[in-house]
Amino acid sequence: MTVNDGKNDLRIYVQDARDALMWKLDGLSEYDLRRPLTPTGTNLLGLVKHVTGAEALYLGEAFGRPFPLPEATPLWIIGTAEPNADLWARADESTEEILGRYRRVWAHSDATIAELPLDAIGQLPFGSRPRQTLHRVLVHVIAETHRHVGHADLVRELIDGATGQRSDGPNTAPGDTAWWQAHHDRVEQAARQAGGLA
């Protein structure tokens, strides 16, 4: 295996994470895409905004290739005074705008991956080790994106019960509503017993 093969493997995994995140939004209403389903406000479009800004920072700005934005338009993850601005969608931000920017950022990131060697050094604007190789940054972006896909898994299941990594293979146990309810009850009972509540 050559280094180029390793780069291609990393690119495949980052795209797999992107695709899984985008699939979690398929077929939902504007309300369901935006509504907070945890006490901290986790929502699907907010997750997309967050990974958009993170990817633009890590695979663009850090390597001297800032993602082109209209003047005075900050990236959602940086350049704004509002805490968590990158984790929710305002009513005046369209879904098309948010998803379109994510797709443009990943094309920009893919160009960085294609044009630079894995040992290219980037400079992050924070952290105790701001100088990172493209290889290490790619591994971080893959891990971070998949982490947020996990959040999206839970949010989507709370919205309409949809589960799985992708539409063509749910990678969950087969079962109808009754089977899942019985499974849930069995898990609840085990938790109650272990916690001394049963």
C-alpha atoms as a PDB file:
ATOM      1  CA  MET A   1       0.000   0.000   0.000  1.00  0.00           C
ATOM      2  CA  THR A   2       1.289   3.459  -0.873  1.00  0.00           C
ATOM      3  CA  VAL A   3       0.715   6.739   0.929  1.00  0.00           C
ATOM      4  CA  ASN A   4      -1.654   7.718  -1.869  1.00  0.00           C
ATOM      5  CA  ASP A   5      -3.758   4.617  -1.126  1.00  0.00           C
ATOM      6  CA  GLY A   6      -3.900   5.737   2.506  1.00  0.00           C
ATOM      7  CA  LYS A   7      -5.031   9.197   1.452  1.00  0.00           C
ATOM      8  CA  ASN A   8      -7.777   7.691  -0.683  1.00  0.00           C
ATOM      9  CA  ASP A   9      -8.924   5.539   2.261  1.00  0.00           C
ATOM     10  CA  LEU A  10      -9.165   8.638   4.455  1.00  0.00           C
ATOM     11  CA  ARG A  11     -11.075  10.514   1.756  1.00  0.00           C
ATOM     12  CA  ILE A  12     -13.525   7.613   1.450  1.00  0.00           C
ATOM     13  CA  TYR A  13     -14.130   7.625   5.200  1.00  0.00           C
ATOM     14  CA  VAL A  14     -14.679  11.381   5.398  1.00  0.00           C
ATOM     15  CA  GLN A  15     -17.161  11.176   2.517  1.00  0.00           C
ATOM     16  CA  ASP A  16     -18.942   8.259   4.167  1.00  0.00           C
ATOM     17  CA  ALA A  17     -19.406  10.395   7.289  1.00  0.00           C
ATOM     18  CA  ARG A  18     -20.711  13.332   5.227  1.00  0.00           C
ATOM     19  CA  ASP A  19     -23.163  11.122   3.362  1.00  0.00           C
ATOM     20  CA  ALA A  20     -24.437   9.518   6.569  1.00  0.00           C
ATOM     21  CA  LEU A  21     -25.051  12.951   8.095  1.00  0.00           C
ATOM     22  CA  MET A  22     -26.907  14.207   5.023  1.00  0.00           C
ATOM     23  CA  TRP A  23     -29.085  11.081   4.922  1.00  0.00           C
ATOM     24  CA  LYS A  24     -30.311  11.836   8.439  1.00  0.00           C
ATOM     25  CA  LEU A  25     -32.060  14.931   7.033  1.00  0.00           C
ATOM     26  CA  ASP A  26     -33.877  13.217   4.154  1.00  0.00           C
ATOM     27  CA  GLY A  27     -37.625  13.665   3.995  1.00  0.00           C
ATOM     28  CA  LEU A  28     -38.031  15.841   7.089  1.00  0.00           C
ATOM     29  CA  SER A  29     -40.042  19.037   7.427  1.00  0.00           C
ATOM     30  CA  GLU A  30     -38.405  22.398   8.117  1.00  0.00           C
ATOM     31  CA  TYR A  31     -39.605  22.146  11.698  1.00  0.00           C
ATOM     32  CA  ASP A  32     -38.144  18.676  12.246  1.00  0.00           C
ATOM     33  CA  LEU A  33     -34.808  19.694  10.711  1.00  0.00           C
ATOM     34  CA  ARG A  34     -34.510  22.583  13.174  1.00  0.00           C
ATOM     35  CA  ARG A  35     -36.265  21.585  16.371  1.00  0.00           C
ATOM     36  CA  PRO A  36     -34.170  20.998  19.493  1.00  0.00           C
ATOM     37  CA  LEU A  37     -34.548  17.511  20.901  1.00  0.00           C
ATOM     38  CA  THR A  38     -32.125  17.590  23.828  1.00  0.00           C
ATOM     39  CA  PRO A  39     -31.879  19.971  26.789  1.00  0.00           C
ATOM     40  CA  THR A  40     -28.820  21.557  25.114  1.00  0.00           C
ATOM     41  CA  GLY A  41     -30.712  22.195  21.869  1.00  0.00           C
ATOM     42  CA  THR A  42     -29.203  19.524  19.609  1.00  0.00           C
ATOM     43  CA  ASN A  43     -30.887  19.613  16.201  1.00  0.00           C
ATOM     44  CA  LEU A  44     -30.111  18.270  12.739  1.00  0.00           C
ATOM     45  CA  LEU A  45     -29.425  21.477  10.800  1.00  0.00           C
ATOM     46  CA  GLY A  46     -27.306  22.743  13.664  1.00  0.00           C
ATOM     47  CA  LEU A  47     -25.140  19.638  13.430  1.00  0.00           C
ATOM     48  CA  VAL A  48     -24.662  20.272   9.701  1.00  0.00           C
ATOM     49  CA  LYS A  49     -23.731  23.906  10.368  1.00  0.00           C
ATOM     50  CA  HIS A  50     -21.217  22.821  12.976  1.00  0.00           C
ATOM     51  CA  VAL A  51     -19.453  20.245  10.817  1.00  0.00           C
ATOM     52  CA  THR A  52     -19.469  22.717   7.906  1.00  0.00           C
ATOM     53  CA  GLY A  53     -17.541  25.272   9.942  1.00  0.00           C
ATOM     54  CA  ALA A  54     -15.249  22.654  11.455  1.00  0.00           C
ATOM     55  CA  GLU A  55     -14.351  21.185   8.082  1.00  0.00           C
ATOM     56  CA  ALA A  56     -13.789  24.621   6.534  1.00  0.00           C
ATOM     57  CA  LEU A  57     -11.464  25.489   9.397  1.00  0.00           C
ATOM     58  CA  TYR A  58      -9.542  22.218   9.612  1.00  0.00           C
ATOM     59  CA  LEU A  59      -9.247  21.398   5.895  1.00  0.00           C
ATOM     60  CA  GLY A  60      -9.192  24.938   4.553  1.00  0.00           C
ATOM     61  CA  GLU A  61      -8.037  27.767   6.779  1.00  0.00           C
ATOM     62  CA  ALA A  62      -5.511  25.635   8.686  1.00  0.00           C
ATOM     63  CA  PHE A  63      -3.699  24.902   5.408  1.00  0.00           C
ATOM     64  CA  GLY A  64      -3.727  28.475   4.095  1.00  0.00           C
ATOM     65  CA  ARG A  65      -6.757  27.736   1.913  1.00  0.00           C
ATOM     66  CA  PRO A  66      -9.627  29.666   3.529  1.00  0.00           C
ATOM     67  CA  PHE A  67     -13.077  28.799   2.258  1.00  0.00           C
ATOM     68  CA  PRO A  68     -14.298  31.742   0.161  1.00  0.00           C
ATOM     69  CA  LEU A  69     -17.157  33.601   1.830  1.00  0.00           C
ATOM     70  CA  PRO A  70     -18.914  36.852   0.976  1.00  0.00           C
ATOM     71  CA  GLU A  71     -17.330  39.775   2.814  1.00  0.00           C
ATOM     72  CA  ALA A  72     -18.444  40.116   6.454  1.00  0.00           C
ATOM     73  CA  THR A  73     -19.887  36.586   6.479  1.00  0.00           C
ATOM     74  CA  PRO A  74     -18.168  34.635   9.259  1.00  0.00           C
ATOM     75  CA  LEU A  75     -17.838  30.895   9.262  1.00  0.00           C
ATOM     76  CA  TRP A  76     -20.417  29.495  11.603  1.00  0.00           C
ATOM     77  CA  ILE A  77     -17.817  27.897  13.880  1.00  0.00           C
ATOM     78  CA  ILE A  78     -15.575  30.962  14.215  1.00  0.00           C
ATOM     79  CA  GLY A  79     -15.843  34.691  13.803  1.00  0.00           C
ATOM     80  CA  THR A  80     -19.102  35.172  15.673  1.00  0.00           C
ATOM     81  CA  ALA A  81     -19.656  36.512  19.169  1.00  0.00           C
ATOM     82  CA  GLU A  82     -22.729  34.371  19.774  1.00  0.00           C
ATOM     83  CA  PRO A  83     -22.019  31.127  21.654  1.00  0.00           C
ATOM     84  CA  ASN A  84     -23.295  28.072  19.772  1.00  0.00           C
ATOM     85  CA  ALA A  85     -24.189  30.081  16.653  1.00  0.00           C
ATOM     86  CA  ASP A  86     -22.916  27.123  14.657  1.00  0.00           C
ATOM     87  CA  LEU A  87     -25.248  24.659  16.411  1.00  0.00           C
ATOM     88  CA  TRP A  88     -28.679  25.886  15.333  1.00  0.00           C
ATOM     89  CA  ALA A  89     -30.396  27.389  12.303  1.00  0.00           C
ATOM     90  CA  ARG A  90     -32.097  30.770  12.486  1.00  0.00           C
ATOM     91  CA  ALA A  91     -35.483  31.067  10.787  1.00  0.00           C
ATOM     92  CA  ASP A  92     -33.947  33.313   8.108  1.00  0.00           C
ATOM     93  CA  GLU A  93     -31.294  30.700   7.186  1.00  0.00           C
ATOM     94  CA  SER A  94     -32.678  28.402   4.527  1.00  0.00           C
ATOM     95  CA  THR A  95     -32.079  24.684   4.533  1.00  0.00           C
ATOM     96  CA  GLU A  96     -30.825  24.996   0.953  1.00  0.00           C
ATOM     97  CA  GLU A  97     -28.272  27.625   2.034  1.00  0.00           C
ATOM     98  CA  ILE A  98     -26.979  25.476   4.897  1.00  0.00           C
ATOM     99  CA  LEU A  99     -26.786  22.225   2.921  1.00  0.00           C
ATOM    100  CA  GLY A 100     -25.378  24.013  -0.122  1.00  0.00           C
ATOM    101  CA  ARG A 101     -22.602  25.571   1.938  1.00  0.00           C
ATOM    102  CA  TYR A 102     -21.767  22.174   3.428  1.00  0.00           C
ATOM    103  CA  ARG A 103     -21.454  20.653  -0.044  1.00  0.00           C
ATOM    104  CA  ARG A 104     -19.270  23.556  -1.225  1.00  0.00           C
ATOM    105  CA  VAL A 105     -17.068  23.237   1.868  1.00  0.00           C
ATOM    106  CA  TRP A 106     -16.569  19.539   1.315  1.00  0.00           C
ATOM    107  CA  ALA A 107     -15.597  20.183  -2.334  1.00  0.00           C
ATOM    108  CA  HIS A 108     -13.107  22.777  -1.074  1.00  0.00           C
ATOM    109  CA  SER A 109     -11.815  20.269   1.496  1.00  0.00           C
ATOM    110  CA  ASP A 110     -11.508  17.559  -1.146  1.00  0.00           C
ATOM    111  CA  ALA A 111      -9.330  19.912  -3.193  1.00  0.00           C
ATOM    112  CA  THR A 112      -7.065  20.426  -0.159  1.00  0.00           C
ATOM    113  CA  ILE A 113      -6.833  16.649   0.315  1.00  0.00           C
ATOM    114  CA  ALA A 114      -6.067  16.098  -3.372  1.00  0.00           C
ATOM    115  CA  GLU A 115      -3.478  18.876  -3.677  1.00  0.00           C
ATOM    116  CA  LEU A 116      -1.473  18.403  -0.477  1.00  0.00           C
ATOM    117  CA  PRO A 117       0.590  15.458   0.759  1.00  0.00           C
ATOM    118  CA  LEU A 118      -0.493  13.790   3.989  1.00  0.00           C
ATOM    119  CA  ASP A 119       2.607  15.160   5.734  1.00  0.00           C
ATOM    120  CA  ALA A 120       1.753  18.791   4.835  1.00  0.00           C
ATOM    121  CA  ILE A 121       1.689  20.932   7.974  1.00  0.00           C
ATOM    122  CA  GLY A 122      -1.334  23.028   8.862  1.00  0.00           C
ATOM    123  CA  GLN A 123      -1.701  25.677  11.555  1.00  0.00           C
ATOM    124  CA  LEU A 124      -4.793  25.622  13.757  1.00  0.00           C
ATOM    125  CA  PRO A 125      -5.812  28.844  15.540  1.00  0.00           C
ATOM    126  CA  PHE A 126      -6.131  27.098  18.928  1.00  0.00           C
ATOM    127  CA  GLY A 127      -4.953  24.209  21.077  1.00  0.00           C
ATOM    128  CA  SER A 128      -1.695  23.185  22.690  1.00  0.00           C
ATOM    129  CA  ARG A 129      -0.433  21.605  19.419  1.00  0.00           C
ATOM    130  CA  PRO A 130      -1.594  23.978  16.705  1.00  0.00           C
ATOM    131  CA  ARG A 131       0.770  22.565  14.049  1.00  0.00           C
ATOM    132  CA  GLN A 132      -0.789  19.395  12.627  1.00  0.00           C
ATOM    133  CA  THR A 133      -0.218  17.254   9.559  1.00  0.00           C
ATOM    134  CA  LEU A 134      -2.952  16.831   6.967  1.00  0.00           C
ATOM    135  CA  HIS A 135      -3.054  13.156   7.934  1.00  0.00           C
ATOM    136  CA  ARG A 136      -3.783  13.945  11.571  1.00  0.00           C
ATOM    137  CA  VAL A 137      -6.309  16.640  10.667  1.00  0.00           C
ATOM    138  CA  LEU A 138      -8.139  14.265   8.326  1.00  0.00           C
ATOM    139  CA  VAL A 139      -8.371  11.640  11.063  1.00  0.00           C
ATOM    140  CA  HIS A 140      -9.758  14.316  13.399  1.00  0.00           C
ATOM    141  CA  VAL A 141     -12.359  15.485  10.852  1.00  0.00           C
ATOM    142  CA  ILE A 142     -13.454  11.884  10.219  1.00  0.00           C
ATOM    143  CA  ALA A 143     -13.803  11.221  13.956  1.00  0.00           C
ATOM    144  CA  GLU A 144     -15.598  14.509  14.625  1.00  0.00           C
ATOM    145  CA  THR A 145     -18.011  14.097  11.733  1.00  0.00           C
ATOM    146  CA  HIS A 146     -18.857  10.522  12.701  1.00  0.00           C
ATOM    147  CA  ARG A 147     -19.342  11.676  16.311  1.00  0.00           C
ATOM    148  CA  HIS A 148     -21.922  14.183  15.133  1.00  0.00           C
ATOM    149  CA  VAL A 149     -23.520  11.561  12.881  1.00  0.00           C
ATOM    150  CA  GLY A 150     -24.093   9.627  16.112  1.00  0.00           C
ATOM    151  CA  HIS A 151     -25.862  12.665  17.542  1.00  0.00           C
ATOM    152  CA  ALA A 152     -27.913  12.885  14.344  1.00  0.00           C
ATOM    153  CA  ASP A 153     -28.802   9.174  14.687  1.00  0.00           C
ATOM    154  CA  LEU A 154     -30.394   9.845  18.051  1.00  0.00           C
ATOM    155  CA  VAL A 155     -32.147  13.045  16.983  1.00  0.00           C
ATOM    156  CA  ARG A 156     -33.586  11.399  13.872  1.00  0.00           C
ATOM    157  CA  GLU A 157     -34.817   8.400  15.869  1.00  0.00           C
ATOM    158  CA  LEU A 158     -36.563  10.777  18.280  1.00  0.00           C
ATOM    159  CA  ILE A 159     -38.242  12.560  15.354  1.00  0.00           C
ATOM    160  CA  ASP A 160     -39.666   9.631  13.404  1.00  0.00           C
ATOM    161  CA  GLY A 161     -38.046   6.382  14.514  1.00  0.00           C
ATOM    162  CA  ALA A 162     -35.682   6.155  11.519  1.00  0.00           C
ATOM    163  CA  THR A 163     -32.468   4.327  12.408  1.00  0.00           C
ATOM    164  CA  GLY A 164     -29.340   3.061  10.698  1.00  0.00           C
ATOM    165  CA  GLN A 165     -26.270   4.390   9.003  1.00  0.00           C
ATOM    166  CA  ARG A 166     -27.692   4.720   5.500  1.00  0.00           C
ATOM    167  CA  SER A 167     -30.893   4.194   3.585  1.00  0.00           C
ATOM    168  CA  ASP A 168     -29.691   1.087   1.729  1.00  0.00           C
ATOM    169  CA  GLY A 169     -28.635  -0.839   4.837  1.00  0.00           C
ATOM    170  CA  PRO A 170     -29.970   0.089   8.232  1.00  0.00           C
ATOM    171  CA  ASN A 171     -27.327  -1.941  10.171  1.00  0.00           C
ATOM    172  CA  THR A 172     -29.774  -2.428  13.038  1.00  0.00           C
ATOM    173  CA  ALA A 173     -31.593  -5.551  14.150  1.00  0.00           C
ATOM    174  CA  PRO A 174     -34.696  -6.273  12.089  1.00  0.00           C
ATOM    175  CA  GLY A 175     -37.915  -5.834  14.012  1.00  0.00           C
ATOM    176  CA  ASP A 176     -41.326  -4.255  13.896  1.00  0.00           C
ATOM    177  CA  THR A 177     -42.697  -1.770  16.415  1.00  0.00           C
ATOM    178  CA  ALA A 178     -43.792  -4.532  18.801  1.00  0.00           C
ATOM    179  CA  TRP A 179     -40.355  -6.172  18.706  1.00  0.00           C
ATOM    180  CA  TRP A 180     -38.601  -2.876  19.463  1.00  0.00           C
ATOM    181  CA  GLN A 181     -41.002  -2.102  22.303  1.00  0.00           C
ATOM    182  CA  ALA A 182     -40.319  -5.522  23.836  1.00  0.00           C
ATOM    183  CA  HIS A 183     -36.572  -4.921  23.461  1.00  0.00           C
ATOM    184  CA  HIS A 184     -36.901  -1.476  25.060  1.00  0.00           C
ATOM    185  CA  ASP A 185     -38.877  -2.958  27.965  1.00  0.00           C
ATOM    186  CA  ARG A 186     -36.251  -5.691  28.461  1.00  0.00           C
ATOM    187  CA  VAL A 187     -33.445  -3.109  28.554  1.00  0.00           C
ATOM    188  CA  GLU A 188     -35.438  -0.910  30.957  1.00  0.00           C
ATOM    189  CA  GLN A 189     -36.068  -3.864  33.248  1.00  0.00           C
ATOM    190  CA  ALA A 190     -32.374  -4.768  33.310  1.00  0.00           C
ATOM    191  CA  ALA A 191     -31.488  -1.148  34.158  1.00  0.00           C
ATOM    192  CA  ARG A 192     -34.052  -1.057  36.955  1.00  0.00           C
ATOM    193  CA  GLN A 193     -32.767  -4.334  38.391  1.00  0.00           C
ATOM    194  CA  ALA A 194     -29.133  -3.213  38.207  1.00  0.00           C
ATOM    195  CA  GLY A 195     -30.052   0.091  39.834  1.00  0.00           C
ATOM    196  CA  GLY A 196     -31.967  -1.566  42.655  1.00  0.00           C
ATOM    197  CA  LEU A 197     -35.247  -0.049  41.447  1.00  0.00           C
ATOM    198  CA  ALA A 198     -37.101  -3.274  40.593  1.00  0.00           C
END
